C-alpha atoms as a PDB file:
ATOM      1  CA  MET A   1      95.643  95.360 107.958  1.00  0.00           C
ATOM      2  CA  THR A   2      98.402  97.455 109.847  1.00  0.00           C
ATOM      3  CA  ALA A   3     102.160  97.999 108.884  1.00  0.00           C
ATOM      4  CA  LEU A   4     103.136  96.096 112.410  1.00  0.00           C
ATOM      5  CA  GLU A   5     100.438  93.468 111.631  1.00  0.00           C
ATOM      6  CA  ASP A   6     102.351  93.139 107.636  1.00  0.00           C
ATOM      7  CA  LEU A   7     105.712  93.026 109.447  1.00  0.00           C
ATOM      8  CA  SER A   8     104.618  89.964 112.032  1.00  0.00           C
ATOM      9  CA  GLY A   9     103.361  87.868 109.397  1.00  0.00           C
ATOM     10  CA  HIS A  10     106.780  87.019 108.340  1.00  0.00           C
ATOM     11  CA  LEU A  11     107.373  85.571 111.686  1.00  0.00           C
ATOM     12  CA  ALA A  12     108.149  82.163 111.671  1.00  0.00           C
ATOM     13  CA  SER A  13     106.047  81.124 114.525  1.00  0.00           C
ATOM     14  CA  GLU A  14     103.985  83.570 116.914  1.00  0.00           C
ATOM     15  CA  LEU A  15     104.926  85.576 119.332  1.00  0.00           C
ATOM     16  CA  VAL A  16     103.727  84.024 122.546  1.00  0.00           C
ATOM     17  CA  VAL A  17     103.151  86.322 125.629  1.00  0.00           C
ATOM     18  CA  VAL A  18     102.447  85.169 129.590  1.00  0.00           C
ATOM     19  CA  ASP A  19      99.945  87.021 131.817  1.00  0.00           C
ATOM     20  CA  ILE A  20     100.196  85.692 135.617  1.00  0.00           C
ATOM     21  CA  GLY A  21      97.896  87.694 137.576  1.00  0.00           C
ATOM     22  CA  CYS A  22      95.823  88.525 134.300  1.00  0.00           C
ATOM     23  CA  ARG A  23      92.343  89.186 136.528  1.00  0.00           C
ATOM     24  CA  TRP A  24      90.616  91.837 134.147  1.00  0.00           C
ATOM     25  CA  GLY A  25      92.127  90.437 131.409  1.00  0.00           C
ATOM     26  CA  PHE A  26      95.160  91.108 128.774  1.00  0.00           C
ATOM     27  CA  ALA A  27      96.389  94.087 128.438  1.00  0.00           C
ATOM     28  CA  PRO A  28      95.341  96.058 124.990  1.00  0.00           C
ATOM     29  CA  HIS A  29      98.369  96.599 123.498  1.00  0.00           C
ATOM     30  CA  TRP A  30      98.484  93.244 122.288  1.00  0.00           C
ATOM     31  CA  LYS A  31      95.522  93.622 120.460  1.00  0.00           C
ATOM     32  CA  ALA A  32      98.350  95.823 117.963  1.00  0.00           C
ATOM     33  CA  LEU A  33      99.767  92.117 116.594  1.00  0.00           C
ATOM     34  CA  GLY A  34      96.522  90.829 115.731  1.00  0.00           C
ATOM     35  CA  SER A  35      96.632  87.069 115.050  1.00  0.00           C
ATOM     36  CA  TYR A  36     100.252  86.588 115.156  1.00  0.00           C
ATOM     37  CA  VAL A  37      99.798  86.981 119.168  1.00  0.00           C
ATOM     38  CA  THR A  38      99.112  84.001 121.361  1.00  0.00           C
ATOM     39  CA  LEU A  39      98.307  84.775 125.160  1.00  0.00           C
ATOM     40  CA  TYR A  40      98.091  82.514 128.527  1.00  0.00           C
ATOM     41  CA  GLY A  41      96.526  84.164 131.448  1.00  0.00           C
ATOM     42  CA  PHE A  42      97.252  82.744 134.932  1.00  0.00           C
ATOM     43  CA  ASP A  43      95.422  83.287 137.910  1.00  0.00           C
ATOM     44  CA  ALA A  44      94.634  81.632 141.165  1.00  0.00           C
ATOM     45  CA  ASP A  45      90.905  82.597 141.548  1.00  0.00           C
ATOM     46  CA  GLU A  46      89.082  80.119 139.741  1.00  0.00           C
ATOM     47  CA  ILE A  47      86.233  82.412 139.659  1.00  0.00           C
ATOM     48  CA  GLU A  48      88.089  84.733 137.860  1.00  0.00           C
ATOM     49  CA  ILE A  49      89.004  82.408 135.459  1.00  0.00           C
ATOM     50  CA  ALA A  50      85.507  80.893 134.653  1.00  0.00           C
ATOM     51  CA  ARG A  51      84.686  84.806 133.682  1.00  0.00           C
ATOM     52  CA  LEU A  52      87.343  84.951 131.602  1.00  0.00           C
ATOM     53  CA  ASP A  53      86.891  82.318 129.892  1.00  0.00           C
ATOM     54  CA  GLU A  54      83.059  82.776 129.454  1.00  0.00           C
ATOM     55  CA  GLU A  55      84.327  86.968 128.187  1.00  0.00           C
ATOM     56  CA  PHE A  56      87.140  85.762 125.614  1.00  0.00           C
ATOM     57  CA  ALA A  57      85.282  82.287 124.198  1.00  0.00           C
ATOM     58  CA  ASP A  58      84.957  83.679 121.142  1.00  0.00           C
ATOM     59  CA  GLU A  59      88.959  84.664 120.931  1.00  0.00           C
ATOM     60  CA  PRO A  60      91.130  81.600 119.977  1.00  0.00           C
ATOM     61  CA  ARG A  61      94.261  83.068 120.861  1.00  0.00           C
ATOM     62  CA  MET A  62      93.401  83.598 124.217  1.00  0.00           C
ATOM     63  CA  HIS A  63      94.054  80.855 127.045  1.00  0.00           C
ATOM     64  CA  PHE A  64      92.953  81.320 130.833  1.00  0.00           C
ATOM     65  CA  PHE A  65      94.475  78.685 133.842  1.00  0.00           C
ATOM     66  CA  ALA A  66      93.192  78.626 137.099  1.00  0.00           C
ATOM     67  CA  ARG A  67      96.965  77.698 138.524  1.00  0.00           C
ATOM     68  CA  ALA A  68      98.642  78.967 141.413  1.00  0.00           C
ATOM     69  CA  LEU A  69     102.726  79.790 140.474  1.00  0.00           C
ATOM     70  CA  GLY A  70     105.827  79.934 142.615  1.00  0.00           C
ATOM     71  CA  SER A  71     109.227  78.947 142.757  1.00  0.00           C
ATOM     72  CA  GLN A  72     108.372  75.202 143.355  1.00  0.00           C
ATOM     73  CA  SER A  73     105.576  72.698 142.996  1.00  0.00           C
ATOM     74  CA  GLY A  74     103.554  72.178 146.451  1.00  0.00           C
ATOM     75  CA  HIS A  75     100.977  73.953 148.267  1.00  0.00           C
ATOM     76  CA  GLY A  76     100.329  77.171 149.199  1.00  0.00           C
ATOM     77  CA  THR A  77      97.510  79.431 151.247  1.00  0.00           C
ATOM     78  CA  LEU A  78      95.883  81.825 149.180  1.00  0.00           C
ATOM     79  CA  MET A  79      94.652  84.849 151.109  1.00  0.00           C
ATOM     80  CA  LEU A  80      91.394  86.339 149.704  1.00  0.00           C
ATOM     81  CA  THR A  81      90.811  89.540 150.036  1.00  0.00           C
ATOM     82  CA  ALA A  82      87.472  92.599 150.381  1.00  0.00           C
ATOM     83  CA  GLU A  83      88.958  93.999 147.213  1.00  0.00           C
ATOM     84  CA  PRO A  84      89.775  90.631 144.816  1.00  0.00           C
ATOM     85  CA  GLY A  85      92.571  92.195 143.051  1.00  0.00           C
ATOM     86  CA  SER A  86      94.543  92.275 146.208  1.00  0.00           C
ATOM     87  CA  THR A  87      94.463  88.524 146.655  1.00  0.00           C
ATOM     88  CA  SER A  88      98.085  86.652 147.465  1.00  0.00           C
ATOM     89  CA  LEU A  89      99.922  83.955 148.573  1.00  0.00           C
ATOM     90  CA  PHE A  90     101.578  86.586 151.173  1.00  0.00           C
ATOM     91  CA  PRO A  91      99.823  88.575 154.219  1.00  0.00           C
ATOM     92  CA  ARG A  92      99.568  92.251 154.037  1.00  0.00           C
ATOM     93  CA  SER A  93     102.044  93.680 156.016  1.00  0.00           C
ATOM     94  CA  SER A  94      99.880  94.560 158.752  1.00  0.00           C
ATOM     95  CA  ALA A  95     101.760  97.648 160.227  1.00  0.00           C
ATOM     96  CA  ARG A  96     100.808  98.944 156.550  1.00  0.00           C
ATOM     97  CA  LEU A  97      97.175  98.253 157.190  1.00  0.00           C
ATOM     98  CA  GLY A  98      96.518 100.705 159.711  1.00  0.00           C
ATOM     99  CA  HIS A  99      97.765 103.780 158.255  1.00  0.00           C
ATOM    100  CA  ILE A 100      97.167 103.533 154.371  1.00  0.00           C
ATOM    101  CA  PRO A 101      93.618 104.468 153.103  1.00  0.00           C
ATOM    102  CA  GLU A 102      94.201 102.581 149.817  1.00  0.00           C
ATOM    103  CA  TYR A 103      95.124  98.997 151.666  1.00  0.00           C
ATOM    104  CA  ASP A 104      91.444  99.013 153.575  1.00  0.00           C
ATOM    105  CA  GLY A 105      90.131  96.759 150.924  1.00  0.00           C
ATOM    106  CA  ALA A 106      93.094  94.204 151.302  1.00  0.00           C
ATOM    107  CA  ARG A 107      91.851  93.099 154.578  1.00  0.00           C
ATOM    108  CA  VAL A 108      91.656  89.086 154.256  1.00  0.00           C
ATOM    109  CA  THR A 109      88.150  87.985 154.160  1.00  0.00           C
ATOM    110  CA  SER A 110      89.070  84.317 153.927  1.00  0.00           C
ATOM    111  CA  GLU A 111      91.394  81.679 153.394  1.00  0.00           C
ATOM    112  CA  THR A 112      91.956  78.521 151.176  1.00  0.00           C
ATOM    113  CA  ASP A 113      94.720  75.966 150.326  1.00  0.00           C
ATOM    114  CA  VAL A 114      95.764  75.957 146.810  1.00  0.00           C
ATOM    115  CA  VAL A 115      98.199  73.588 144.815  1.00  0.00           C
ATOM    116  CA  VAL A 116     101.468  75.708 143.220  1.00  0.00           C
ATOM    117  CA  SER A 117     103.491  74.488 140.591  1.00  0.00           C
ATOM    118  CA  THR A 118     106.074  76.445 138.335  1.00  0.00           C
ATOM    119  CA  LEU A 119     106.073  78.020 135.179  1.00  0.00           C
ATOM    120  CA  ASP A 120     108.299  75.564 133.618  1.00  0.00           C
ATOM    121  CA  GLN A 121     106.467  72.609 134.751  1.00  0.00           C
ATOM    122  CA  TRP A 122     103.220  74.126 133.098  1.00  0.00           C
ATOM    123  CA  ARG A 123     105.452  74.624 129.715  1.00  0.00           C
ATOM    124  CA  ASP A 124     106.514  71.018 129.211  1.00  0.00           C
ATOM    125  CA  GLU A 125     102.918  70.076 130.458  1.00  0.00           C
ATOM    126  CA  GLU A 126     101.230  72.178 127.638  1.00  0.00           C
ATOM    127  CA  GLY A 127     104.080  71.785 125.274  1.00  0.00           C
ATOM    128  CA  VAL A 128     104.494  75.786 124.654  1.00  0.00           C
ATOM    129  CA  GLY A 129     108.390  75.796 122.924  1.00  0.00           C
ATOM    130  CA  ARG A 130     108.833  79.377 123.763  1.00  0.00           C
ATOM    131  CA  ILE A 131     107.956  82.680 125.630  1.00  0.00           C
ATOM    132  CA  ASP A 132     108.618  85.888 124.214  1.00  0.00           C
ATOM    133  CA  SER A 133     107.056  87.986 127.065  1.00  0.00           C
ATOM    134  CA  LEU A 134     106.224  87.824 130.649  1.00  0.00           C
ATOM    135  CA  LYS A 135     103.984  89.777 132.868  1.00  0.00           C
ATOM    136  CA  LEU A 136     103.708  89.116 136.725  1.00  0.00           C
ATOM    137  CA  ASP A 137     101.302  90.950 139.195  1.00  0.00           C
ATOM    138  CA  THR A 138     100.344  88.364 141.832  1.00  0.00           C
ATOM    139  CA  GLN A 139     100.455  90.729 144.830  1.00  0.00           C
ATOM    140  CA  GLY A 140     104.453  90.056 146.485  1.00  0.00           C
ATOM    141  CA  SER A 141     105.183  86.194 144.726  1.00  0.00           C
ATOM    142  CA  GLU A 142     106.747  87.269 141.324  1.00  0.00           C
ATOM    143  CA  LEU A 143     109.886  86.681 142.543  1.00  0.00           C
ATOM    144  CA  ASP A 144     109.366  83.169 143.311  1.00  0.00           C
ATOM    145  CA  ILE A 145     107.416  82.887 140.286  1.00  0.00           C
ATOM    146  CA  LEU A 146     110.496  83.955 138.743  1.00  0.00           C
ATOM    147  CA  ARG A 147     112.529  81.217 140.390  1.00  0.00           C
ATOM    148  CA  GLY A 148     110.639  78.573 139.341  1.00  0.00           C
ATOM    149  CA  ALA A 149     110.579  79.992 135.572  1.00  0.00           C
ATOM    150  CA  VAL A 150     114.285  79.925 134.787  1.00  0.00           C
ATOM    151  CA  ARG A 151     114.102  78.232 131.810  1.00  0.00           C
ATOM    152  CA  SER A 152     111.458  80.035 130.397  1.00  0.00           C
ATOM    153  CA  LEU A 153     113.004  83.221 131.065  1.00  0.00           C
ATOM    154  CA  ALA A 154     115.976  81.797 128.450  1.00  0.00           C
ATOM    155  CA  THR A 155     113.753  82.995 125.692  1.00  0.00           C
ATOM    156  CA  ALA A 156     111.909  85.305 126.594  1.00  0.00           C
ATOM    157  CA  ARG A 157     113.036  89.147 125.387  1.00  0.00           C
ATOM    158  CA  HIS A 158     110.925  91.171 127.697  1.00  0.00           C
ATOM    159  CA  VAL A 159     109.491  91.138 131.308  1.00  0.00           C
ATOM    160  CA  GLU A 160     107.032  93.064 133.103  1.00  0.00           C
ATOM    161  CA  VAL A 161     106.980  92.797 137.294  1.00  0.00           C
ATOM    162  CA  GLU A 162     104.787  94.955 139.498  1.00  0.00           C
ATOM    163  CA  VAL A 163     107.365  95.611 142.223  1.00  0.00           C
ATOM    164  CA  ALA A 164     106.695  97.289 145.631  1.00  0.00           C
ATOM    165  CA  PHE A 165     109.618  99.965 147.093  1.00  0.00           C
ATOM    166  CA  ASN A 166     108.189  99.582 150.359  1.00  0.00           C
ATOM    167  CA  GLU A 167     107.184  96.807 152.320  1.00  0.00           C
ATOM    168  CA  LEU A 168     103.309  96.311 150.887  1.00  0.00           C
ATOM    169  CA  PHE A 169     103.553  92.244 152.060  1.00  0.00           C
ATOM    170  CA  GLU A 170     104.702  90.514 155.303  1.00  0.00           C
ATOM    171  CA  GLY A 171     108.507  89.054 153.923  1.00  0.00           C
ATOM    172  CA  ALA A 172     107.534  89.462 150.091  1.00  0.00           C
ATOM    173  CA  PRO A 173     110.619  90.705 147.850  1.00  0.00           C
ATOM    174  CA  VAL A 174     110.742  94.394 146.754  1.00  0.00           C
ATOM    175  CA  PHE A 175     112.351  95.671 143.715  1.00  0.00           C
ATOM    176  CA  ALA A 176     116.247  95.594 144.462  1.00  0.00           C
ATOM    177  CA  ASP A 177     115.553  91.971 145.073  1.00  0.00           C
ATOM    178  CA  VAL A 178     113.913  91.464 141.536  1.00  0.00           C
ATOM    179  CA  ASP A 179     116.446  93.373 139.757  1.00  0.00           C
ATOM    180  CA  THR A 180     119.307  91.545 141.327  1.00  0.00           C
ATOM    181  CA  PHE A 181     117.492  88.228 139.929  1.00  0.00           C
ATOM    182  CA  LEU A 182     116.571  89.477 136.452  1.00  0.00           C
ATOM    183  CA  ARG A 183     119.860  91.014 136.108  1.00  0.00           C
ATOM    184  CA  GLY A 184     121.747  87.390 136.995  1.00  0.00           C
ATOM    185  CA  GLN A 185     119.017  86.330 133.995  1.00  0.00           C
ATOM    186  CA  GLY A 186     120.487  88.702 132.038  1.00  0.00           C
ATOM    187  CA  PHE A 187     118.003  91.374 131.538  1.00  0.00           C
ATOM    188  CA  ALA A 188     118.194  95.010 132.861  1.00  0.00           C
ATOM    189  CA  LEU A 189     115.693  97.370 133.890  1.00  0.00           C
ATOM    190  CA  TRP A 190     114.627  99.828 130.756  1.00  0.00           C
ATOM    191  CA  ARG A 191     111.342 101.774 132.010  1.00  0.00           C
ATOM    192  CA  PHE A 192     109.161 102.450 135.145  1.00  0.00           C
ATOM    193  CA  ARG A 193     105.681 102.626 134.471  1.00  0.00           C
ATOM    194  CA  ASP A 194     102.597 103.365 136.899  1.00  0.00           C
ATOM    195  CA  LEU A 195     104.849 105.217 139.556  1.00  0.00           C
ATOM    196  CA  VAL A 196     102.063 104.786 142.525  1.00  0.00           C
ATOM    197  CA  HIS A 197     102.280 106.669 145.765  1.00  0.00           C
ATOM    198  CA  HIS A 198      99.911 106.425 148.759  1.00  0.00           C
ATOM    199  CA  ALA A 199      99.289 108.966 151.418  1.00  0.00           C
ATOM    200  CA  LEU A 200      98.715 108.414 155.297  1.00  0.00           C
ATOM    201  CA  HIS A 201      95.429 108.418 157.230  1.00  0.00           C
ATOM    202  CA  GLU A 202      97.574 110.994 159.291  1.00  0.00           C
ATOM    203  CA  ALA A 203      98.127 112.745 156.491  1.00  0.00           C
ATOM    204  CA  PRO A 204      94.979 112.008 153.902  1.00  0.00           C
ATOM    205  CA  ASP A 205      95.055 115.371 151.803  1.00  0.00           C
ATOM    206  CA  PRO A 206      98.275 116.393 151.600  1.00  0.00           C
ATOM    207  CA  PRO A 207      99.343 119.951 148.885  1.00  0.00           C
ATOM    208  CA  PRO A 208     100.039 119.521 145.492  1.00  0.00           C
ATOM    209  CA  VAL A 209     103.798 119.299 144.351  1.00  0.00           C
ATOM    210  CA  THR A 210     105.727 120.146 140.990  1.00  0.00           C
ATOM    211  CA  GLU A 211     107.637 116.833 139.933  1.00  0.00           C
ATOM    212  CA  TYR A 212     109.962 116.630 136.535  1.00  0.00           C
ATOM    213  CA  VAL A 213     110.597 113.438 134.541  1.00  0.00           C
ATOM    214  CA  TRP A 214     113.967 114.253 132.166  1.00  0.00           C
ATOM    215  CA  TYR A 215     113.928 112.802 128.633  1.00  0.00           C
ATOM    216  CA  GLU A 216     117.652 113.571 127.769  1.00  0.00           C
ATOM    217  CA  SER A 217     117.604 117.122 128.545  1.00  0.00           C
ATOM    218  CA  LYS A 218     113.647 117.790 127.741  1.00  0.00           C
ATOM    219  CA  PRO A 219     111.766 118.013 131.169  1.00  0.00           C
ATOM    220  CA  GLN A 220     108.277 117.354 131.246  1.00  0.00           C
ATOM    221  CA  SER A 221     106.023 118.772 134.042  1.00  0.00           C
ATOM    222  CA  LEU A 222     103.338 117.279 136.347  1.00  0.00           C
ATOM    223  CA  THR A 223     101.583 118.497 139.399  1.00  0.00           C
ATOM    224  CA  GLY A 224     101.171 115.292 142.176  1.00  0.00           C
ATOM    225  CA  GLN A 225     100.343 114.807 145.172  1.00  0.00           C
ATOM    226  CA  GLY A 226     102.150 113.789 148.406  1.00  0.00           C
ATOM    227  CA  GLY A 227     102.736 110.119 149.778  1.00  0.00           C
ATOM    228  CA  GLN A 228     105.351 107.902 150.038  1.00  0.00           C
ATOM    229  CA  LEU A 229     106.397 105.411 146.889  1.00  0.00           C
ATOM    230  CA  MET A 230     104.686 102.458 147.302  1.00  0.00           C
ATOM    231  CA  TRP A 231     104.994 100.979 144.028  1.00  0.00           C
ATOM    232  CA  CYS A 232     105.079 100.375 140.097  1.00  0.00           C
ATOM    233  CA  ASN A 233     105.289  98.515 136.897  1.00  0.00           C
ATOM    234  CA  ALA A 234     109.168  97.646 136.086  1.00  0.00           C
ATOM    235  CA  HIS A 235     109.795  96.620 132.475  1.00  0.00           C
ATOM    236  CA  PHE A 236     113.011  94.067 131.958  1.00  0.00           C
ATOM    237  CA  VAL A 237     114.160  93.764 128.438  1.00  0.00           C
ATOM    238  CA  ARG A 238     117.368  91.089 127.448  1.00  0.00           C
ATOM    239  CA  ARG A 239     120.717  93.000 127.405  1.00  0.00           C
ATOM    240  CA  ASP A 240     121.187  92.175 123.443  1.00  0.00           C
ATOM    241  CA  VAL A 241     117.618  93.966 122.601  1.00  0.00           C
ATOM    242  CA  TYR A 242     119.503  96.900 122.610  1.00  0.00           C
ATOM    243  CA  ALA A 243     123.293  96.449 123.714  1.00  0.00           C
ATOM    244  CA  PRO A 244     125.682  96.346 120.553  1.00  0.00           C
ATOM    245  CA  GLU A 245     125.838  92.558 120.053  1.00  0.00           C
ATOM    246  CA  PRO A 246     126.744  90.295 116.521  1.00  0.00           C
ATOM    247  CA  SER A 247     124.074  88.898 114.470  1.00  0.00           C
ATOM    248  CA  LEU A 248     121.561  87.102 116.206  1.00  0.00           C
ATOM    249  CA  GLY A 249     119.462  86.041 112.951  1.00  0.00           C
ATOM    250  CA  TRP A 250     116.605  88.092 111.333  1.00  0.00           C
ATOM    251  CA  GLN A 251     114.216  86.478 113.293  1.00  0.00           C
ATOM    252  CA  THR A 252     115.128  87.279 116.218  1.00  0.00           C
ATOM    253  CA  ARG A 253     115.478  90.938 115.117  1.00  0.00           C
ATOM    254  CA  LEU A 254     111.473  90.704 113.729  1.00  0.00           C
ATOM    255  CA  ARG A 255     110.492  89.226 116.983  1.00  0.00           C
ATOM    256  CA  ASP A 256     112.151  92.029 119.199  1.00  0.00           C
ATOM    257  CA  ALA A 257     110.459  94.474 116.541  1.00  0.00           C
ATOM    258  CA  CYS A 258     107.083  93.491 116.587  1.00  0.00           C
ATOM    259  CA  LEU A 259     107.290  93.206 120.615  1.00  0.00           C
ATOM    260  CA  MET A 260     108.465  96.450 121.095  1.00  0.00           C
ATOM    261  CA  SER A 261     106.234  97.875 118.770  1.00  0.00           C
ATOM    262  CA  ALA A 262     103.175  96.612 120.507  1.00  0.00           C
ATOM    263  CA  LEU A 263     104.833  97.401 123.867  1.00  0.00           C
ATOM    264  CA  GLN A 264     105.290 101.049 122.585  1.00  0.00           C
ATOM    265  CA  PHE A 265     108.820 100.717 123.397  1.00  0.00           C
ATOM    266  CA  HIS A 266     109.600 102.778 119.990  1.00  0.00           C
ATOM    267  CA  ASP A 267     113.278 103.306 120.494  1.00  0.00           C
ATOM    268  CA  LEU A 268     113.899 100.014 120.819  1.00  0.00           C
ATOM    269  CA  ALA A 269     111.827  98.916 117.905  1.00  0.00           C
ATOM    270  CA  VAL A 270     113.757 102.025 115.826  1.00  0.00           C
ATOM    271  CA  LEU A 271     116.739 100.020 117.299  1.00  0.00           C
ATOM    272  CA  ALA A 272     115.490  96.677 116.130  1.00  0.00           C
ATOM    273  CA  LEU A 273     114.122  97.074 112.636  1.00  0.00           C
ATOM    274  CA  GLY A 274     118.013  99.265 111.790  1.00  0.00           C
ATOM    275  CA  ARG A 275     119.440  95.867 112.842  1.00  0.00           C
ATOM    276  CA  LEU A 276     116.644  93.695 111.063  1.00  0.00           C
ATOM    277  CA  VAL A 277     117.785  95.461 107.651  1.00  0.00           C
ATOM    278  CA  LEU A 278     121.429  94.309 108.213  1.00  0.00           C
ATOM    279  CA  GLU A 279     121.359  91.011 108.963  1.00  0.00           C
ATOM    280  CA  PRO A 280     122.350  88.494 106.478  1.00  0.00           C
ATOM    281  CA  GLY A 281     119.782  86.412 105.087  1.00  0.00           C
ATOM    282  CA  CYS A 282     116.895  89.109 105.999  1.00  0.00           C
ATOM    283  CA  PRO A 283     114.078  88.893 102.730  1.00  0.00           C
ATOM    284  CA  ASP A 284     113.431  91.721 100.286  1.00  0.00           C
ATOM    285  CA  LEU A 285     109.826  91.760 101.535  1.00  0.00           C
ATOM    286  CA  VAL A 286     110.739  91.976 105.239  1.00  0.00           C
ATOM    287  CA  ARG A 287     113.346  95.035 104.577  1.00  0.00           C
ATOM    288  CA  ALA A 288     110.071  96.268 103.265  1.00  0.00           C
ATOM    289  CA  SER A 289     107.583  95.659 105.798  1.00  0.00           C
ATOM    290  CA  ALA A 290     110.458  96.710 108.418  1.00  0.00           C
ATOM    291  CA  GLU A 291     110.700 100.380 106.379  1.00  0.00           C
ATOM    292  CA  ARG A 292     107.085 100.657 106.366  1.00  0.00           C
ATOM    293  CA  VAL A 293     106.847 100.599 110.243  1.00  0.00           C
ATOM    294  CA  ARG A 294     110.109 102.432 110.740  1.00  0.00           C
ATOM    295  CA  ALA A 295     108.540 105.612 108.759  1.00  0.00           C
ATOM    296  CA  GLY A 296     105.373 105.238 110.637  1.00  0.00           C
ATOM    297  CA  VAL A 297     107.053 106.069 113.639  1.00  0.00           C
ATOM    298  CA  ALA A 298     109.525 108.650 112.410  1.00  0.00           C
ATOM    299  CA  ALA A 299     106.119 110.082 111.240  1.00  0.00           C
ATOM    300  CA  ALA A 300     104.725 109.929 114.505  1.00  0.00           C
ATOM    301  CA  ARG A 301     108.082 111.922 116.052  1.00  0.00           C
ATOM    302  CA  SER A 302     107.717 114.595 113.626  1.00  0.00           C
ATOM    303  CA  THR A 303     104.116 115.552 114.200  1.00  0.00           C
ATOM    304  CA  ALA A 304     105.134 115.862 118.203  1.00  0.00           C
ATOM    305  CA  PRO A 305     108.360 118.026 118.044  1.00  0.00           C
ATOM    306  CA  ALA A 306     110.417 118.577 121.772  1.00  0.00           C
ATOM    307  CA  LYS A 307     112.552 121.384 122.647  1.00  0.00           C
ATOM    308  CA  ARG A 308     115.680 120.824 123.785  1.00  0.00           C
ATOM    309  CA  ALA A 309     116.702 122.114 126.977  1.00  0.00           C
ATOM    310  CA  THR A 310     120.562 123.341 127.688  1.00  0.00           C
ATOM    311  CA  LEU A 311     121.714 122.171 130.908  1.00  0.00           C
ATOM    312  CA  ALA A 312     121.920 125.846 132.575  1.00  0.00           C
ATOM    313  CA  GLY A 313     117.909 125.747 131.318  1.00  0.00           C
ATOM    314  CA  ARG A 314     117.353 122.712 133.039  1.00  0.00           C
ATOM    315  CA  LEU A 315     119.012 123.811 136.146  1.00  0.00           C
ATOM    316  CA  ARG A 316     116.500 126.584 135.825  1.00  0.00           C
ATOM    317  CA  VAL A 317     113.655 124.651 135.594  1.00  0.00           C
ATOM    318  CA  LEU A 318     114.218 123.155 138.646  1.00  0.00           C
ATOM    319  CA  ARG A 319     115.525 125.890 140.731  1.00  0.00           C
ATOM    320  CA  ARG A 320     111.881 127.346 140.081  1.00  0.00           C
ATOM    321  CA  GLY A 321     110.453 123.697 140.964  1.00  0.00           C
ATOM    322  CA  VAL A 322     112.147 123.340 144.149  1.00  0.00           C
ATOM    323  CA  LEU A 323     112.693 126.919 145.572  1.00  0.00           C
ATOM    324  CA  GLY A 324     109.227 128.039 143.876  1.00  0.00           C
ATOM    325  CA  LEU A 325     110.401 131.179 142.245  1.00  0.00           C
ATOM    326  CA  SER A 326     108.951 132.452 139.507  1.00  0.00           C
ATOM    327  CA  ASP A 327     110.066 132.306 135.486  1.00  0.00           C
ATOM    328  CA  GLN A 328     111.309 136.156 136.111  1.00  0.00           C
ATOM    329  CA  GLU A 329     113.548 135.755 139.464  1.00  0.00           C
ATOM    330  CA  PRO A 330     117.041 136.500 138.289  1.00  0.00           C
ATOM    331  CA  ASN A 331     119.226 133.326 137.491  1.00  0.00           C
END
């Protein structure tokens, strides 16, 4: 048993993860929680759900539902595409389809009527008391689903949403719309992952460019390609996961610590663990488990020391990257 599984064993009830748009199955990081997580997956494609049911028939904590979700109950038109992962309730932007090679697989091949319900309605039907983490990847309808999940969001500590920065689907919201809505529900953006750029047909092979990501004052460079930033996976957390707050109770801190550890948001996990051991009423056994997990994170950090850059050094790095200067160029 890992230290995280040992810590998770003190939960009053298992963590609940909902994955909407679960084609190909659940993210592998949830395996770190062992038997202390229950996963519910949704996809409007009945064939894909049948395949997942068969593939994971021996996994009692994985449940799959062939259901389209939205902001309210009703009916919708599901557009099936040449690449099944592009299937959507929204039509692809015709202006984009003709200019970006990556979208060639998004051609609509057929349409079918589907029944649409809300996530809150499903929770009532299934008797699911709470949702801890919610992930959405539904090709444009993510904000509609969130609007139909307000009661479910009230218990959530983490939300992952595939968001578009530029038009991918006709009439579909973009990142700014999703961000505004989730901020109104008590969440804040924590991290972008998987930033996706697409080149144009007219410029299919742009030369490489050097880009930088900054962690505090520590730059990490990568050699990328051209193209327009189109979408990414945006991770939001409830503000009291990181903001100074009065006691939330040791069980809430414990849930946060387990969840953030599985997501590999180790800074948030360490923060939750530090607050957990200070919560009134936290049992000594839980404190001991928390210290073991925290020690593991500290050990991992010590094996990868990073040099902290000065502001002047930062500017030199950027200057070299932008102007193409060598290390020998004068400052």
